[in-house]
Amino acid sequence: MTLLRDPFALVNAIKFGMDQHTRISLFVWALQLHTGEPLSAITVRGEDTNGTAHTLIVESVGDQVGVTGAKQLVVKLPEQVAGSDLWITVSLHGLTSNRALVKIKP
């Protein structure tokens, strides 16, 4: 794992998973899955500067150590993004987060 801030490349020379797509961490307040509920219940959506919607795959969710009520989500960036910005929202149980801006390298 490497710790970097944006802008992010969509693919990475280092293979951390099954592929070389870049993964990013999102920190979300008050996100709680029900007992036995799968990760797929969480929807992470990114909208690029052309208005194209992308679904980001949630690969893990865990408690943020030392911050009560915060969760860390690891998501895989999409294969393509038009432009250099990706506005990300997280949804669960009918509630959606504020948008967060992530810069993507051209």
C-alpha atoms as a PDB file:
ATOM      1  CA  MET A   1       0.000   0.000   0.000  1.00  0.00           C
ATOM      2  CA  THR A   2       1.145   3.511  -0.722  1.00  0.00           C
ATOM      3  CA  LEU A   3      -0.376   6.651   0.727  1.00  0.00           C
ATOM      4  CA  LEU A   4      -0.920   9.373  -1.831  1.00  0.00           C
ATOM      5  CA  ARG A   5      -3.358  12.192  -2.319  1.00  0.00           C
ATOM      6  CA  ASP A   6      -5.052  13.073  -5.570  1.00  0.00           C
ATOM      7  CA  PRO A   7      -4.701  13.375  -8.478  1.00  0.00           C
ATOM      8  CA  PHE A   8      -4.804   9.598  -8.936  1.00  0.00           C
ATOM      9  CA  ALA A   9      -4.019   7.533 -12.012  1.00  0.00           C
ATOM     10  CA  LEU A  10      -6.801   5.097 -12.954  1.00  0.00           C
ATOM     11  CA  VAL A  11      -4.291   2.258 -13.218  1.00  0.00           C
ATOM     12  CA  ASN A  12      -1.222   1.611 -11.139  1.00  0.00           C
ATOM     13  CA  ALA A  13       2.104   0.037 -12.061  1.00  0.00           C
ATOM     14  CA  ILE A  14       1.961  -1.892  -8.786  1.00  0.00           C
ATOM     15  CA  LYS A  15      -0.557  -4.728  -8.674  1.00  0.00           C
ATOM     16  CA  PHE A  16      -2.255  -4.679  -5.237  1.00  0.00           C
ATOM     17  CA  GLY A  17      -5.309  -6.708  -6.183  1.00  0.00           C
ATOM     18  CA  MET A  18      -6.539  -8.906  -8.995  1.00  0.00           C
ATOM     19  CA  ASP A  19      -5.803  -6.073 -11.423  1.00  0.00           C
ATOM     20  CA  GLN A  20      -3.854  -2.827 -11.621  1.00  0.00           C
ATOM     21  CA  HIS A  21      -6.764  -0.452 -11.037  1.00  0.00           C
ATOM     22  CA  THR A  22      -6.121   2.165  -8.396  1.00  0.00           C
ATOM     23  CA  ARG A  23      -7.955   1.776  -5.102  1.00  0.00           C
ATOM     24  CA  ILE A  24      -8.732   4.744  -2.875  1.00  0.00           C
ATOM     25  CA  SER A  25      -9.911   5.056   0.714  1.00  0.00           C
ATOM     26  CA  LEU A  26     -13.012   7.030   1.566  1.00  0.00           C
ATOM     27  CA  PHE A  27     -13.784   7.984   5.154  1.00  0.00           C
ATOM     28  CA  VAL A  28     -17.494   8.088   5.937  1.00  0.00           C
ATOM     29  CA  TRP A  29     -19.234   9.147   9.113  1.00  0.00           C
ATOM     30  CA  ALA A  30     -22.133   7.095  10.600  1.00  0.00           C
ATOM     31  CA  LEU A  31     -22.170   4.378   7.922  1.00  0.00           C
ATOM     32  CA  GLN A  32     -23.505   1.139   9.403  1.00  0.00           C
ATOM     33  CA  LEU A  33     -24.309  -2.107   7.626  1.00  0.00           C
ATOM     34  CA  HIS A  34     -26.928  -4.317   9.272  1.00  0.00           C
ATOM     35  CA  THR A  35     -25.709  -7.663  10.658  1.00  0.00           C
ATOM     36  CA  GLY A  36     -25.068 -10.008   7.737  1.00  0.00           C
ATOM     37  CA  GLU A  37     -25.642  -7.293   5.136  1.00  0.00           C
ATOM     38  CA  PRO A  38     -23.217  -7.562   2.180  1.00  0.00           C
ATOM     39  CA  LEU A  39     -20.846  -4.827   0.990  1.00  0.00           C
ATOM     40  CA  SER A  40     -22.951  -4.616  -2.152  1.00  0.00           C
ATOM     41  CA  ALA A  41     -25.599  -2.790  -0.077  1.00  0.00           C
ATOM     42  CA  ILE A  42     -23.294   0.244  -0.189  1.00  0.00           C
ATOM     43  CA  THR A  43     -23.427   2.170  -3.454  1.00  0.00           C
ATOM     44  CA  VAL A  44     -20.489   4.395  -4.344  1.00  0.00           C
ATOM     45  CA  ARG A  45     -21.130   6.538  -7.377  1.00  0.00           C
ATOM     46  CA  GLY A  46     -18.741   8.822  -9.209  1.00  0.00           C
ATOM     47  CA  GLU A  47     -19.788  11.426 -11.736  1.00  0.00           C
ATOM     48  CA  ASP A  48     -17.151  12.749 -14.123  1.00  0.00           C
ATOM     49  CA  THR A  49     -16.934  16.245 -15.603  1.00  0.00           C
ATOM     50  CA  ASN A  50     -18.991  15.141 -18.633  1.00  0.00           C
ATOM     51  CA  GLY A  51     -21.836  14.028 -16.346  1.00  0.00           C
ATOM     52  CA  THR A  52     -21.192  10.317 -16.921  1.00  0.00           C
ATOM     53  CA  ALA A  53     -22.029   8.191 -13.874  1.00  0.00           C
ATOM     54  CA  HIS A  54     -19.669   5.426 -12.767  1.00  0.00           C
ATOM     55  CA  THR A  55     -20.277   2.793 -10.113  1.00  0.00           C
ATOM     56  CA  LEU A  56     -17.208   2.212  -7.952  1.00  0.00           C
ATOM     57  CA  ILE A  57     -16.747  -1.258  -6.506  1.00  0.00           C
ATOM     58  CA  VAL A  58     -16.554  -1.385  -2.711  1.00  0.00           C
ATOM     59  CA  GLU A  59     -13.836  -3.868  -1.783  1.00  0.00           C
ATOM     60  CA  SER A  60     -13.775  -3.435   1.991  1.00  0.00           C
ATOM     61  CA  VAL A  61     -15.346  -1.556   4.877  1.00  0.00           C
ATOM     62  CA  GLY A  62     -13.831  -1.228   8.310  1.00  0.00           C
ATOM     63  CA  ASP A  63     -13.833   0.895  11.428  1.00  0.00           C
ATOM     64  CA  GLN A  64     -11.492   3.868  11.382  1.00  0.00           C
ATOM     65  CA  VAL A  65      -9.156   3.268  14.305  1.00  0.00           C
ATOM     66  CA  GLY A  66      -9.350   6.003  16.907  1.00  0.00           C
ATOM     67  CA  VAL A  67     -12.410   7.744  15.417  1.00  0.00           C
ATOM     68  CA  THR A  68     -15.699   6.492  16.854  1.00  0.00           C
ATOM     69  CA  GLY A  69     -18.445   6.328  14.226  1.00  0.00           C
ATOM     70  CA  ALA A  70     -16.168   6.626  11.189  1.00  0.00           C
ATOM     71  CA  LYS A  71     -15.746   3.905   8.565  1.00  0.00           C
ATOM     72  CA  GLN A  72     -13.028   3.461   5.965  1.00  0.00           C
ATOM     73  CA  LEU A  73     -14.209   2.232   2.558  1.00  0.00           C
ATOM     74  CA  VAL A  74     -11.759   0.963  -0.032  1.00  0.00           C
ATOM     75  CA  VAL A  75     -13.114   1.391  -3.545  1.00  0.00           C
ATOM     76  CA  LYS A  76     -11.733   0.618  -6.977  1.00  0.00           C
ATOM     77  CA  LEU A  77     -11.639   3.503  -9.440  1.00  0.00           C
ATOM     78  CA  PRO A  78     -13.502   2.949 -12.726  1.00  0.00           C
ATOM     79  CA  GLU A  79     -11.747   1.996 -15.957  1.00  0.00           C
ATOM     80  CA  GLN A  80     -12.416   5.332 -17.650  1.00  0.00           C
ATOM     81  CA  VAL A  81     -13.214   8.828 -16.511  1.00  0.00           C
ATOM     82  CA  ALA A  82     -13.913  11.688 -18.912  1.00  0.00           C
ATOM     83  CA  GLY A  83     -12.051  14.759 -17.692  1.00  0.00           C
ATOM     84  CA  SER A  84     -10.017  15.130 -14.558  1.00  0.00           C
ATOM     85  CA  ASP A  85     -12.561  15.274 -11.746  1.00  0.00           C
ATOM     86  CA  LEU A  86     -14.761  12.624 -10.169  1.00  0.00           C
ATOM     87  CA  TRP A  87     -17.526  13.687  -7.780  1.00  0.00           C
ATOM     88  CA  ILE A  88     -18.138  10.783  -5.391  1.00  0.00           C
ATOM     89  CA  THR A  89     -21.161   9.981  -3.216  1.00  0.00           C
ATOM     90  CA  VAL A  90     -21.799   7.047  -0.890  1.00  0.00           C
ATOM     91  CA  SER A  91     -25.348   5.694  -0.400  1.00  0.00           C
ATOM     92  CA  LEU A  92     -26.778   3.186   2.060  1.00  0.00           C
ATOM     93  CA  HIS A  93     -30.328   2.542   3.293  1.00  0.00           C
ATOM     94  CA  GLY A  94     -31.783   5.380   1.239  1.00  0.00           C
ATOM     95  CA  LEU A  95     -29.356   8.011   2.539  1.00  0.00           C
ATOM     96  CA  THR A  96     -26.670   9.632   0.392  1.00  0.00           C
ATOM     97  CA  SER A  97     -23.543  11.469   1.521  1.00  0.00           C
ATOM     98  CA  ASN A  98     -22.370  14.869   0.430  1.00  0.00           C
ATOM     99  CA  ARG A  99     -20.270  14.893  -2.737  1.00  0.00           C
ATOM    100  CA  ALA A 100     -16.493  14.628  -2.438  1.00  0.00           C
ATOM    101  CA  LEU A 101     -14.151  15.709  -5.221  1.00  0.00           C
ATOM    102  CA  VAL A 102     -11.383  13.348  -6.326  1.00  0.00           C
ATOM    103  CA  LYS A 103      -8.932  14.495  -9.003  1.00  0.00           C
ATOM    104  CA  ILE A 104      -7.940  11.999 -11.687  1.00  0.00           C
ATOM    105  CA  LYS A 105      -4.719  12.282 -13.671  1.00  0.00           C
ATOM    106  CA  PRO A 106      -5.368  12.919 -17.366  1.00  0.00           C
END
